[in-house]
PDB file of N, CA and C in Angstrom:
ATOM      1  N   MET A   1      -4.947   6.306  15.535  1.00  0.00           N
ATOM      2  CA  MET A   1      -4.538   7.691  15.554  1.00  0.00           C
ATOM      3  C   MET A   1      -3.033   7.823  15.391  1.00  0.00           C
ATOM      4  N   ILE A   2      -2.293   6.877  15.992  1.00  0.00           N
ATOM      5  CA  ILE A   2      -0.832   6.910  15.886  1.00  0.00           C
ATOM      6  C   ILE A   2      -0.398   6.708  14.444  1.00  0.00           C
ATOM      7  N   ALA A   3      -1.096   5.828  13.731  1.00  0.00           N
ATOM      8  CA  ALA A   3      -0.746   5.572  12.331  1.00  0.00           C
ATOM      9  C   ALA A   3      -0.957   6.827  11.477  1.00  0.00           C
ATOM     10  N   ILE A   4      -2.045   7.530  11.716  1.00  0.00           N
ATOM     11  CA  ILE A   4      -2.324   8.747  10.956  1.00  0.00           C
ATOM     12  C   ILE A   4      -1.296   9.821  11.285  1.00  0.00           C
ATOM     13  N   LEU A   5      -0.952   9.936  12.559  1.00  0.00           N
ATOM     14  CA  LEU A   5       0.069  10.900  12.966  1.00  0.00           C
ATOM     15  C   LEU A   5       1.413  10.548  12.319  1.00  0.00           C
ATOM     16  N   GLY A   6       1.767   9.272  12.317  1.00  0.00           N
ATOM     17  CA  GLY A   6       3.008   8.829  11.679  1.00  0.00           C
ATOM     18  C   GLY A   6       3.009   9.110  10.189  1.00  0.00           C
ATOM     19  N   LEU A   7       1.868   8.905   9.538  1.00  0.00           N
ATOM     20  CA  LEU A   7       1.748   9.190   8.117  1.00  0.00           C
ATOM     21  C   LEU A   7       1.944  10.670   7.843  1.00  0.00           C
ATOM     22  N   LEU A   8       1.304  11.527   8.637  1.00  0.00           N
ATOM     23  CA  LEU A   8       1.446  12.973   8.452  1.00  0.00           C
ATOM     24  C   LEU A   8       2.875  13.435   8.691  1.00  0.00           C
ATOM     25  N   ILE A   9       3.520  12.880   9.710  1.00  0.00           N
ATOM     26  CA  ILE A   9       4.919  13.229   9.977  1.00  0.00           C
ATOM     27  C   ILE A   9       5.799  12.766   8.827  1.00  0.00           C
ATOM     28  N   GLY A  10       5.553  11.561   8.327  1.00  0.00           N
ATOM     29  CA  GLY A  10       6.325  11.038   7.197  1.00  0.00           C
ATOM     30  C   GLY A  10       6.176  11.886   5.947  1.00  0.00           C
ATOM     31  N   ILE A  11       4.955  12.325   5.676  1.00  0.00           N
ATOM     32  CA  ILE A  11       4.720  13.188   4.518  1.00  0.00           C
ATOM     33  C   ILE A  11       5.443  14.519   4.690  1.00  0.00           C
ATOM     34  N   ALA A  12       5.360  15.101   5.890  1.00  0.00           N
ATOM     35  CA  ALA A  12       6.025  16.388   6.149  1.00  0.00           C
ATOM     36  C   ALA A  12       7.540  16.259   6.016  1.00  0.00           C
ATOM     37  N   VAL A  13       8.109  15.198   6.573  1.00  0.00           N
ATOM     38  CA  VAL A  13       9.556  14.996   6.478  1.00  0.00           C
ATOM     39  C   VAL A  13       9.966  14.786   5.022  1.00  0.00           C
ATOM     40  N   GLY A  14       9.165  13.993   4.269  1.00  0.00           N
ATOM     41  CA  GLY A  14       9.475  13.767   2.858  1.00  0.00           C
ATOM     42  C   GLY A  14       9.415  15.039   2.036  1.00  0.00           C
ATOM     43  N   LEU A  15       8.422  15.885   2.319  1.00  0.00           N
ATOM     44  CA  LEU A  15       8.327  17.152   1.589  1.00  0.00           C
ATOM     45  C   LEU A  15       9.446  18.112   1.969  1.00  0.00           C
ATOM     46  N   PHE A  16       9.843  18.091   3.226  1.00  0.00           N
ATOM     47  CA  PHE A  16      10.886  19.009   3.693  1.00  0.00           C
ATOM     48  C   PHE A  16      12.274  18.570   3.216  1.00  0.00           C
ATOM     49  N   LEU A  17      12.583  17.290   3.358  1.00  0.00           N
ATOM     50  CA  LEU A  17      13.915  16.796   3.008  1.00  0.00           C
ATOM     51  C   LEU A  17      14.068  16.437   1.530  1.00  0.00           C
ATOM     52  N   GLN A  18      12.985  16.141   0.855  1.00  0.00           N
ATOM     53  CA  GLN A  18      12.968  15.746  -0.551  1.00  0.00           C
ATOM     54  C   GLN A  18      14.059  14.719  -0.853  1.00  0.00           C
ATOM     55  N   PRO A  19      13.926  13.520  -0.302  1.00  0.00           N
ATOM     56  CA  PRO A  19      14.962  12.507  -0.513  1.00  0.00           C
ATOM     57  C   PRO A  19      14.966  12.002  -1.950  1.00  0.00           C
ATOM     58  N   ASP A  20      16.163  11.617  -2.414  1.00  0.00           N
ATOM     59  CA  ASP A  20      16.302  11.033  -3.746  1.00  0.00           C
ATOM     60  C   ASP A  20      16.212   9.521  -3.633  1.00  0.00           C
ATOM     61  N   VAL A  21      15.434   8.934  -4.516  1.00  0.00           N
ATOM     62  CA  VAL A  21      15.311   7.483  -4.565  1.00  0.00           C
ATOM     63  C   VAL A  21      16.375   6.971  -5.535  1.00  0.00           C
ATOM     64  N   PRO A  22      17.188   6.013  -5.112  1.00  0.00           N
ATOM     65  CA  PRO A  22      18.202   5.468  -6.028  1.00  0.00           C
ATOM     66  C   PRO A  22      17.556   4.916  -7.297  1.00  0.00           C
ATOM     67  N   ALA A  23      18.245   5.053  -8.413  1.00  0.00           N
ATOM     68  CA  ALA A  23      17.704   4.630  -9.703  1.00  0.00           C
ATOM     69  C   ALA A  23      17.345   3.149  -9.705  1.00  0.00           C
ATOM     70  N   VAL A  24      18.074   2.358  -8.951  1.00  0.00           N
ATOM     71  CA  VAL A  24      17.816   0.917  -8.903  1.00  0.00           C
ATOM     72  C   VAL A  24      16.455   0.622  -8.271  1.00  0.00           C
ATOM     73  N   LEU A  25      16.036   1.439  -7.329  1.00  0.00           N
ATOM     74  CA  LEU A  25      14.786   1.203  -6.612  1.00  0.00           C
ATOM     75  C   LEU A  25      13.580   1.912  -7.227  1.00  0.00           C
ATOM     76  N   GLN A  26      13.797   2.805  -8.183  1.00  0.00           N
ATOM     77  CA  GLN A  26      12.696   3.588  -8.737  1.00  0.00           C
ATOM     78  C   GLN A  26      11.572   2.764  -9.359  1.00  0.00           C
ATOM     79  N   PRO A  27      11.849   1.645 -10.042  1.00  0.00           N
ATOM     80  CA  PRO A  27      10.723   0.871 -10.588  1.00  0.00           C
ATOM     81  C   PRO A  27       9.832   0.243  -9.512  1.00  0.00           C
ATOM     82  N   TYR A  28      10.375   0.064  -8.318  1.00  0.00           N
ATOM     83  CA  TYR A  28       9.636  -0.613  -7.258  1.00  0.00           C
ATOM     84  C   TYR A  28       8.857   0.343  -6.365  1.00  0.00           C
ATOM     85  N   LEU A  29       9.185   1.608  -6.386  1.00  0.00           N
ATOM     86  CA  LEU A  29       8.543   2.579  -5.505  1.00  0.00           C
ATOM     87  C   LEU A  29       7.037   2.712  -5.743  1.00  0.00           C
ATOM     88  N   PRO A  30       6.577   2.871  -6.991  1.00  0.00           N
ATOM     89  CA  PRO A  30       5.122   2.991  -7.173  1.00  0.00           C
ATOM     90  C   PRO A  30       4.364   1.754  -6.705  1.00  0.00           C
ATOM     91  N   ILE A  31       4.938   0.586  -6.937  1.00  0.00           N
ATOM     92  CA  ILE A  31       4.290  -0.654  -6.505  1.00  0.00           C
ATOM     93  C   ILE A  31       4.229  -0.711  -4.985  1.00  0.00           C
ATOM     94  N   ALA A  32       5.318  -0.326  -4.337  1.00  0.00           N
ATOM     95  CA  ALA A  32       5.359  -0.336  -2.872  1.00  0.00           C
ATOM     96  C   ALA A  32       4.352   0.651  -2.294  1.00  0.00           C
ATOM     97  N   VAL A  33       4.209   1.805  -2.921  1.00  0.00           N
ATOM     98  CA  VAL A  33       3.252   2.806  -2.443  1.00  0.00           C
ATOM     99  C   VAL A  33       1.821   2.295  -2.579  1.00  0.00           C
ATOM    100  N   VAL A  34       1.501   1.671  -3.707  1.00  0.00           N
ATOM    101  CA  VAL A  34       0.150   1.144  -3.900  1.00  0.00           C
ATOM    102  C   VAL A  34      -0.116   0.007  -2.920  1.00  0.00           C
ATOM    103  N   ALA A  35       0.881  -0.848  -2.678  1.00  0.00           N
ATOM    104  CA  ALA A  35       0.715  -1.927  -1.697  1.00  0.00           C
ATOM    105  C   ALA A  35       0.497  -1.340  -0.301  1.00  0.00           C
ATOM    106  N   ALA A  36       1.215  -0.275   0.024  1.00  0.00           N
ATOM    107  CA  ALA A  36       1.034   0.372   1.323  1.00  0.00           C
ATOM    108  C   ALA A  36      -0.360   0.993   1.431  1.00  0.00           C
ATOM    109  N   LEU A  37      -0.833   1.625   0.356  1.00  0.00           N
ATOM    110  CA  LEU A  37      -2.176   2.207   0.367  1.00  0.00           C
ATOM    111  C   LEU A  37      -3.241   1.125   0.525  1.00  0.00           C
ATOM    112  N   ASP A  38      -3.013  -0.030  -0.087  1.00  0.00           N
ATOM    113  CA  ASP A  38      -3.942  -1.149   0.079  1.00  0.00           C
ATOM    114  C   ASP A  38      -4.014  -1.565   1.540  1.00  0.00           C
ATOM    115  N   THR A  39      -2.862  -1.662   2.183  1.00  0.00           N
ATOM    116  CA  THR A  39      -2.839  -2.052   3.586  1.00  0.00           C
ATOM    117  C   THR A  39      -3.505  -0.989   4.461  1.00  0.00           C
ATOM    118  N   LEU A  40      -3.264   0.273   4.171  1.00  0.00           N
ATOM    119  CA  LEU A  40      -3.900   1.343   4.943  1.00  0.00           C
ATOM    120  C   LEU A  40      -5.423   1.308   4.796  1.00  0.00           C
ATOM    121  N   ALA A  41      -5.902   1.066   3.580  1.00  0.00           N
ATOM    122  CA  ALA A  41      -7.345   0.979   3.370  1.00  0.00           C
ATOM    123  C   ALA A  41      -7.920  -0.214   4.132  1.00  0.00           C
ATOM    124  N   GLY A  42      -7.203  -1.332   4.105  1.00  0.00           N
ATOM    125  CA  GLY A  42      -7.652  -2.502   4.858  1.00  0.00           C
ATOM    126  C   GLY A  42      -7.648  -2.252   6.353  1.00  0.00           C
ATOM    127  N   GLY A  43      -6.649  -1.516   6.830  1.00  0.00           N
ATOM    128  CA  GLY A  43      -6.583  -1.182   8.250  1.00  0.00           C
ATOM    129  C   GLY A  43      -7.726  -0.273   8.675  1.00  0.00           C
ATOM    130  N   LEU A  44      -8.038   0.708   7.849  1.00  0.00           N
ATOM    131  CA  LEU A  44      -9.160   1.604   8.158  1.00  0.00           C
ATOM    132  C   LEU A  44     -10.472   0.831   8.176  1.00  0.00           C
ATOM    133  N   ARG A  45     -10.617  -0.083   7.232  1.00  0.00           N
ATOM    134  CA  ARG A  45     -11.822  -0.913   7.209  1.00  0.00           C
ATOM    135  C   ARG A  45     -11.915  -1.767   8.478  1.00  0.00           C
ATOM    136  N   ALA A  46     -10.781  -2.321   8.909  1.00  0.00           N
ATOM    137  CA  ALA A  46     -10.770  -3.139  10.124  1.00  0.00           C
ATOM    138  C   ALA A  46     -11.122  -2.305  11.350  1.00  0.00           C
ATOM    139  N   VAL A  47     -10.630  -1.064  11.407  1.00  0.00           N
ATOM    140  CA  VAL A  47     -10.956  -0.177  12.526  1.00  0.00           C
ATOM    141  C   VAL A  47     -12.459   0.066  12.572  1.00  0.00           C
ATOM    142  N   LEU A  48     -13.046   0.363  11.415  1.00  0.00           N
ATOM    143  CA  LEU A  48     -14.484   0.643  11.368  1.00  0.00           C
ATOM    144  C   LEU A  48     -15.318  -0.594  11.685  1.00  0.00           C
ATOM    145  N   ASP A  49     -14.792  -1.779  11.355  1.00  0.00           N
ATOM    146  CA  ASP A  49     -15.500  -3.026  11.663  1.00  0.00           C
ATOM    147  C   ASP A  49     -15.238  -3.499  13.084  1.00  0.00           C
ATOM    148  N   GLY A  50     -14.314  -2.831  13.781  1.00  0.00           N
ATOM    149  CA  GLY A  50     -14.021  -3.182  15.169  1.00  0.00           C
ATOM    150  C   GLY A  50     -13.153  -4.418  15.336  1.00  0.00           C
ATOM    151  N   VAL A  51     -12.394  -4.778  14.306  1.00  0.00           N
ATOM    152  CA  VAL A  51     -11.552  -5.978  14.376  1.00  0.00           C
ATOM    153  C   VAL A  51     -10.080  -5.653  14.133  1.00  0.00           C
ATOM    154  N   PHE A  52      -9.689  -4.393  14.316  1.00  0.00           N
ATOM    155  CA  PHE A  52      -8.307  -3.986  14.046  1.00  0.00           C
ATOM    156  C   PHE A  52      -7.354  -4.626  15.046  1.00  0.00           C
ATOM    157  N   ASN A  53      -6.222  -5.107  14.531  1.00  0.00           N
ATOM    158  CA  ASN A  53      -5.160  -5.681  15.342  1.00  0.00           C
ATOM    159  C   ASN A  53      -3.855  -5.078  14.839  1.00  0.00           C
ATOM    160  N   ALA A  54      -3.137  -4.368  15.691  1.00  0.00           N
ATOM    161  CA  ALA A  54      -1.919  -3.674  15.279  1.00  0.00           C
ATOM    162  C   ALA A  54      -0.866  -4.645  14.745  1.00  0.00           C
ATOM    163  N   HIS A  55      -0.742  -5.806  15.359  1.00  0.00           N
ATOM    164  CA  HIS A  55       0.247  -6.789  14.903  1.00  0.00           C
ATOM    165  C   HIS A  55      -0.074  -7.258  13.479  1.00  0.00           C
ATOM    166  N   VAL A  56      -1.331  -7.540  13.236  1.00  0.00           N
ATOM    167  CA  VAL A  56      -1.749  -7.974  11.897  1.00  0.00           C
ATOM    168  C   VAL A  56      -1.529  -6.845  10.899  1.00  0.00           C
ATOM    169  N   PHE A  57      -1.834  -5.611  11.299  1.00  0.00           N
ATOM    170  CA  PHE A  57      -1.662  -4.475  10.400  1.00  0.00           C
ATOM    171  C   PHE A  57      -0.196  -4.292  10.006  1.00  0.00           C
ATOM    172  N   ILE A  58       0.691  -4.312  10.972  1.00  0.00           N
ATOM    173  CA  ILE A  58       2.114  -4.092  10.688  1.00  0.00           C
ATOM    174  C   ILE A  58       2.682  -5.217   9.834  1.00  0.00           C
ATOM    175  N   THR A  59       2.368  -6.461  10.189  1.00  0.00           N
ATOM    176  CA  THR A  59       2.896  -7.571   9.387  1.00  0.00           C
ATOM    177  C   THR A  59       2.287  -7.570   7.981  1.00  0.00           C
ATOM    178  N   SER A  60       1.015  -7.220   7.858  1.00  0.00           N
ATOM    179  CA  SER A  60       0.395  -7.133   6.532  1.00  0.00           C
ATOM    180  C   SER A  60       1.040  -6.027   5.708  1.00  0.00           C
ATOM    181  N   PHE A  61       1.295  -4.895   6.338  1.00  0.00           N
ATOM    182  CA  PHE A  61       1.927  -3.778   5.657  1.00  0.00           C
ATOM    183  C   PHE A  61       3.277  -4.194   5.088  1.00  0.00           C
ATOM    184  N   LEU A  62       4.118  -4.754   5.938  1.00  0.00           N
ATOM    185  CA  LEU A  62       5.460  -5.162   5.498  1.00  0.00           C
ATOM    186  C   LEU A  62       5.392  -6.277   4.460  1.00  0.00           C
ATOM    187  N   PHE A  63       4.537  -7.255   4.685  1.00  0.00           N
ATOM    188  CA  PHE A  63       4.430  -8.394   3.784  1.00  0.00           C
ATOM    189  C   PHE A  63       3.890  -7.968   2.418  1.00  0.00           C
ATOM    190  N   ASN A  64       2.855  -7.118   2.388  1.00  0.00           N
ATOM    191  CA  ASN A  64       2.297  -6.660   1.114  1.00  0.00           C
ATOM    192  C   ASN A  64       3.324  -5.888   0.300  1.00  0.00           C
ATOM    193  N   VAL A  65       4.051  -4.992   0.937  1.00  0.00           N
ATOM    194  CA  VAL A  65       5.062  -4.213   0.227  1.00  0.00           C
ATOM    195  C   VAL A  65       6.172  -5.127  -0.283  1.00  0.00           C
ATOM    196  N   LEU A  66       6.608  -6.059   0.549  1.00  0.00           N
ATOM    197  CA  LEU A  66       7.680  -6.976   0.159  1.00  0.00           C
ATOM    198  C   LEU A  66       7.251  -7.875  -0.996  1.00  0.00           C
ATOM    199  N   ILE A  67       6.080  -8.466  -0.905  1.00  0.00           N
ATOM    200  CA  ILE A  67       5.601  -9.354  -1.969  1.00  0.00           C
ATOM    201  C   ILE A  67       5.404  -8.587  -3.274  1.00  0.00           C
ATOM    202  N   ALA A  68       4.826  -7.393  -3.210  1.00  0.00           N
ATOM    203  CA  ALA A  68       4.626  -6.602  -4.429  1.00  0.00           C
ATOM    204  C   ALA A  68       5.972  -6.272  -5.078  1.00  0.00           C
ATOM    205  N   ALA A  69       6.944  -5.859  -4.269  1.00  0.00           N
ATOM    206  CA  ALA A  69       8.271  -5.537  -4.810  1.00  0.00           C
ATOM    207  C   ALA A  69       8.942  -6.785  -5.378  1.00  0.00           C
ATOM    208  N   LEU A  70       8.795  -7.916  -4.722  1.00  0.00           N
ATOM    209  CA  LEU A  70       9.384  -9.151  -5.225  1.00  0.00           C
ATOM    210  C   LEU A  70       8.740  -9.589  -6.540  1.00  0.00           C
ATOM    211  N   LEU A  71       7.447  -9.407  -6.669  1.00  0.00           N
ATOM    212  CA  LEU A  71       6.792  -9.739  -7.930  1.00  0.00           C
ATOM    213  C   LEU A  71       7.306  -8.879  -9.073  1.00  0.00           C
ATOM    214  N   VAL A  72       7.481  -7.596  -8.819  1.00  0.00           N
ATOM    215  CA  VAL A  72       8.004  -6.704  -9.853  1.00  0.00           C
ATOM    216  C   VAL A  72       9.456  -7.066 -10.169  1.00  0.00           C
ATOM    217  N   PHE A  73      10.240  -7.383  -9.156  1.00  0.00           N
ATOM    218  CA  PHE A  73      11.627  -7.812  -9.379  1.00  0.00           C
ATOM    219  C   PHE A  73      11.665  -9.081 -10.216  1.00  0.00           C
ATOM    220  N   LEU A  74      10.815 -10.038  -9.888  1.00  0.00           N
ATOM    221  CA  LEU A  74      10.746 -11.280 -10.657  1.00  0.00           C
ATOM    222  C   LEU A  74      10.355 -10.989 -12.098  1.00  0.00           C
ATOM    223  N   GLY A  75       9.392 -10.112 -12.289  1.00  0.00           N
ATOM    224  CA  GLY A  75       8.995  -9.716 -13.643  1.00  0.00           C
ATOM    225  C   GLY A  75      10.144  -9.086 -14.405  1.00  0.00           C
ATOM    226  N   ASP A  76      10.929  -8.251 -13.734  1.00  0.00           N
ATOM    227  CA  ASP A  76      12.105  -7.644 -14.378  1.00  0.00           C
ATOM    228  C   ASP A  76      13.106  -8.709 -14.792  1.00  0.00           C
ATOM    229  N   GLN A  77      13.310  -9.697 -13.930  1.00  0.00           N
ATOM    230  CA  GLN A  77      14.263 -10.764 -14.237  1.00  0.00           C
ATOM    231  C   GLN A  77      13.783 -11.624 -15.407  1.00  0.00           C
ATOM    232  N   LEU A  78      12.476 -11.786 -15.534  1.00  0.00           N
ATOM    233  CA  LEU A  78      11.912 -12.588 -16.616  1.00  0.00           C
ATOM    234  C   LEU A  78      11.699 -11.783 -17.897  1.00  0.00           C
ATOM    235  N   GLY A  79      11.905 -10.468 -17.817  1.00  0.00           N
ATOM    236  CA  GLY A  79      11.730  -9.614 -18.987  1.00  0.00           C
ATOM    237  C   GLY A  79      10.292  -9.172 -19.214  1.00  0.00           C
ATOM    238  N   VAL A  80       9.447  -9.349 -18.225  1.00  0.00           N
ATOM    239  CA  VAL A  80       8.040  -8.937 -18.332  1.00  0.00           C
ATOM    240  C   VAL A  80       7.675  -8.002 -17.185  1.00  0.00           C
ATOM    241  N   GLY A  81       8.629  -7.161 -16.817  1.00  0.00           N
ATOM    242  CA  GLY A  81       8.435  -6.284 -15.659  1.00  0.00           C
ATOM    243  C   GLY A  81       7.240  -5.368 -15.782  1.00  0.00           C
ATOM    244  N   ALA A  82       7.045  -4.771 -16.967  1.00  0.00           N
ATOM    245  CA  ALA A  82       5.934  -3.831 -17.140  1.00  0.00           C
ATOM    246  C   ALA A  82       4.592  -4.551 -17.018  1.00  0.00           C
ATOM    247  N   GLN A  83       4.495  -5.730 -17.601  1.00  0.00           N
ATOM    248  CA  GLN A  83       3.244  -6.468 -17.543  1.00  0.00           C
ATOM    249  C   GLN A  83       2.933  -6.924 -16.120  1.00  0.00           C
ATOM    250  N   LEU A  84       3.944  -7.408 -15.425  1.00  0.00           N
ATOM    251  CA  LEU A  84       3.706  -7.864 -14.053  1.00  0.00           C
ATOM    252  C   LEU A  84       3.417  -6.688 -13.127  1.00  0.00           C
ATOM    253  N   SER A  85       4.060  -5.555 -13.371  1.00  0.00           N
ATOM    254  CA  SER A  85       3.758  -4.350 -12.588  1.00  0.00           C
ATOM    255  C   SER A  85       2.306  -3.936 -12.787  1.00  0.00           C
ATOM    256  N   THR A  86       1.853  -3.993 -14.024  1.00  0.00           N
ATOM    257  CA  THR A  86       0.463  -3.648 -14.314  1.00  0.00           C
ATOM    258  C   THR A  86      -0.488  -4.603 -13.607  1.00  0.00           C
ATOM    259  N   ALA A  87      -0.159  -5.886 -13.629  1.00  0.00           N
ATOM    260  CA  ALA A  87      -1.013  -6.874 -12.963  1.00  0.00           C
ATOM    261  C   ALA A  87      -1.094  -6.611 -11.465  1.00  0.00           C
ATOM    262  N   VAL A  88       0.041  -6.290 -10.847  1.00  0.00           N
ATOM    263  CA  VAL A  88       0.062  -6.015  -9.407  1.00  0.00           C
ATOM    264  C   VAL A  88      -0.764  -4.767  -9.103  1.00  0.00           C
ATOM    265  N   ILE A  89      -0.610  -3.731  -9.914  1.00  0.00           N
ATOM    266  CA  ILE A  89      -1.371  -2.490  -9.711  1.00  0.00           C
ATOM    267  C   ILE A  89      -2.875  -2.758  -9.847  1.00  0.00           C
ATOM    268  N   VAL A  90      -3.262  -3.557 -10.837  1.00  0.00           N
ATOM    269  CA  VAL A  90      -4.683  -3.850 -11.039  1.00  0.00           C
ATOM    270  C   VAL A  90      -5.253  -4.595  -9.839  1.00  0.00           C
ATOM    271  N   VAL A  91      -4.551  -5.634  -9.390  1.00  0.00           N
ATOM    272  CA  VAL A  91      -5.040  -6.423  -8.255  1.00  0.00           C
ATOM    273  C   VAL A  91      -5.134  -5.564  -6.999  1.00  0.00           C
ATOM    274  N   LEU A  92      -4.085  -4.806  -6.706  1.00  0.00           N
ATOM    275  CA  LEU A  92      -4.113  -3.961  -5.509  1.00  0.00           C
ATOM    276  C   LEU A  92      -5.150  -2.846  -5.650  1.00  0.00           C
ATOM    277  N   GLY A  93      -5.312  -2.326  -6.867  1.00  0.00           N
ATOM    278  CA  GLY A  93      -6.334  -1.301  -7.098  1.00  0.00           C
ATOM    279  C   GLY A  93      -7.726  -1.827  -6.831  1.00  0.00           C
ATOM    280  N   ILE A  94      -7.980  -3.062  -7.266  1.00  0.00           N
ATOM    281  CA  ILE A  94      -9.283  -3.673  -6.998  1.00  0.00           C
ATOM    282  C   ILE A  94      -9.500  -3.809  -5.498  1.00  0.00           C
ATOM    283  N   ARG A  95      -8.469  -4.227  -4.783  1.00  0.00           N
ATOM    284  CA  ARG A  95      -8.590  -4.370  -3.322  1.00  0.00           C
ATOM    285  C   ARG A  95      -8.819  -3.016  -2.651  1.00  0.00           C
ATOM    286  N   ILE A  96      -8.127  -1.982  -3.120  1.00  0.00           N
ATOM    287  CA  ILE A  96      -8.296  -0.644  -2.547  1.00  0.00           C
ATOM    288  C   ILE A  96      -9.730  -0.163  -2.761  1.00  0.00           C
ATOM    289  N   PHE A  97     -10.247  -0.313  -3.979  1.00  0.00           N
ATOM    290  CA  PHE A  97     -11.605   0.134  -4.250  1.00  0.00           C
ATOM    291  C   PHE A  97     -12.637  -0.715  -3.509  1.00  0.00           C
ATOM    292  N   SER A  98     -12.364  -1.989  -3.333  1.00  0.00           N
ATOM    293  CA  SER A  98     -13.261  -2.844  -2.557  1.00  0.00           C
ATOM    294  C   SER A  98     -13.306  -2.387  -1.099  1.00  0.00           C
ATOM    295  N   ASN A  99     -12.141  -2.101  -0.534  1.00  0.00           N
ATOM    296  CA  ASN A  99     -12.100  -1.590   0.839  1.00  0.00           C
ATOM    297  C   ASN A  99     -12.761  -0.221   0.937  1.00  0.00           C
ATOM    298  N   ALA A 100     -12.539   0.624  -0.071  1.00  0.00           N
ATOM    299  CA  ALA A 100     -13.154   1.954  -0.066  1.00  0.00           C
ATOM    300  C   ALA A 100     -14.676   1.842  -0.108  1.00  0.00           C
ATOM    301  N   ALA A 101     -15.184   0.893  -0.886  1.00  0.00           N
ATOM    302  CA  ALA A 101     -16.637   0.701  -0.947  1.00  0.00           C
ATOM    303  C   ALA A 101     -17.180   0.224   0.396  1.00  0.00           C
ATOM    304  N   ALA A 102     -16.443  -0.685   1.041  1.00  0.00           N
ATOM    305  CA  ALA A 102     -16.882  -1.171   2.355  1.00  0.00           C
ATOM    306  C   ALA A 102     -16.833  -0.049   3.387  1.00  0.00           C
ATOM    307  N   ILE A 103     -15.812   0.792   3.316  1.00  0.00           N
ATOM    308  CA  ILE A 103     -15.704   1.942   4.229  1.00  0.00           C
ATOM    309  C   ILE A 103     -16.865   2.909   3.995  1.00  0.00           C
ATOM    310  N   ARG A 104     -17.150   3.182   2.729  1.00  0.00           N
ATOM    311  CA  ARG A 104     -18.268   4.080   2.403  1.00  0.00           C
ATOM    312  C   ARG A 104     -19.584   3.525   2.924  1.00  0.00           C
ATOM    313  N   ARG A 105     -19.819   2.220   2.713  1.00  0.00           N
ATOM    314  CA  ARG A 105     -21.058   1.607   3.213  1.00  0.00           C
ATOM    315  C   ARG A 105     -21.145   1.705   4.731  1.00  0.00           C
ATOM    316  N   ARG A 106     -20.018   1.521   5.376  1.00  0.00           N
ATOM    317  CA  ARG A 106     -19.993   1.546   6.852  1.00  0.00           C
ATOM    318  C   ARG A 106     -20.240   2.968   7.380  1.00  0.00           C
ATOM    319  N   LEU A 107     -19.597   3.953   6.753  1.00  0.00           N
ATOM    320  CA  LEU A 107     -19.722   5.334   7.223  1.00  0.00           C
ATOM    321  C   LEU A 107     -21.065   5.951   6.893  1.00  0.00           C
ATOM    322  N   PHE A 108     -21.551   5.696   5.683  1.00  0.00           N
ATOM    323  CA  PHE A 108     -22.766   6.375   5.223  1.00  0.00           C
ATOM    324  C   PHE A 108     -23.997   5.462   5.204  1.00  0.00           C
ATOM    325  N   ARG A 109     -23.835   4.239   5.666  1.00  0.00           N
ATOM    326  CA  ARG A 109     -24.932   3.278   5.719  1.00  0.00           C
ATOM    327  C   ARG A 109     -25.651   3.161   4.386  1.00  0.00           C
ATOM    328  N   SER A 110     -24.845   3.155   3.304  1.00  0.00           N
ATOM    329  CA  SER A 110     -25.451   3.041   1.965  1.00  0.00           C
ATOM    330  C   SER A 110     -24.735   2.023   1.133  1.00  0.00           C
TER     331      SER A 110
END
């Protein structure tokens, strides 16, 4: 419940303050958001399965965002940033949909 409340507060503050993202960080923001959504979906799945651990959730959240951003940075340095960004989005998208399917099966018993 605290995570959902924090998310809602974060969204409200972001909409109210409308912060500017520095141009240097703009290529990494979408990847970081998708990595964060992947972690949130995994956390919700863990809650429904009764195995949620706040320490694991927080470290996974930070680690997923950091690794995704580092992969995109590495791709930029190698000159294949767009391709590596696409690969990261595809992998995280598959994980998000896999977690969503597990959540749906758990909630609707189907």
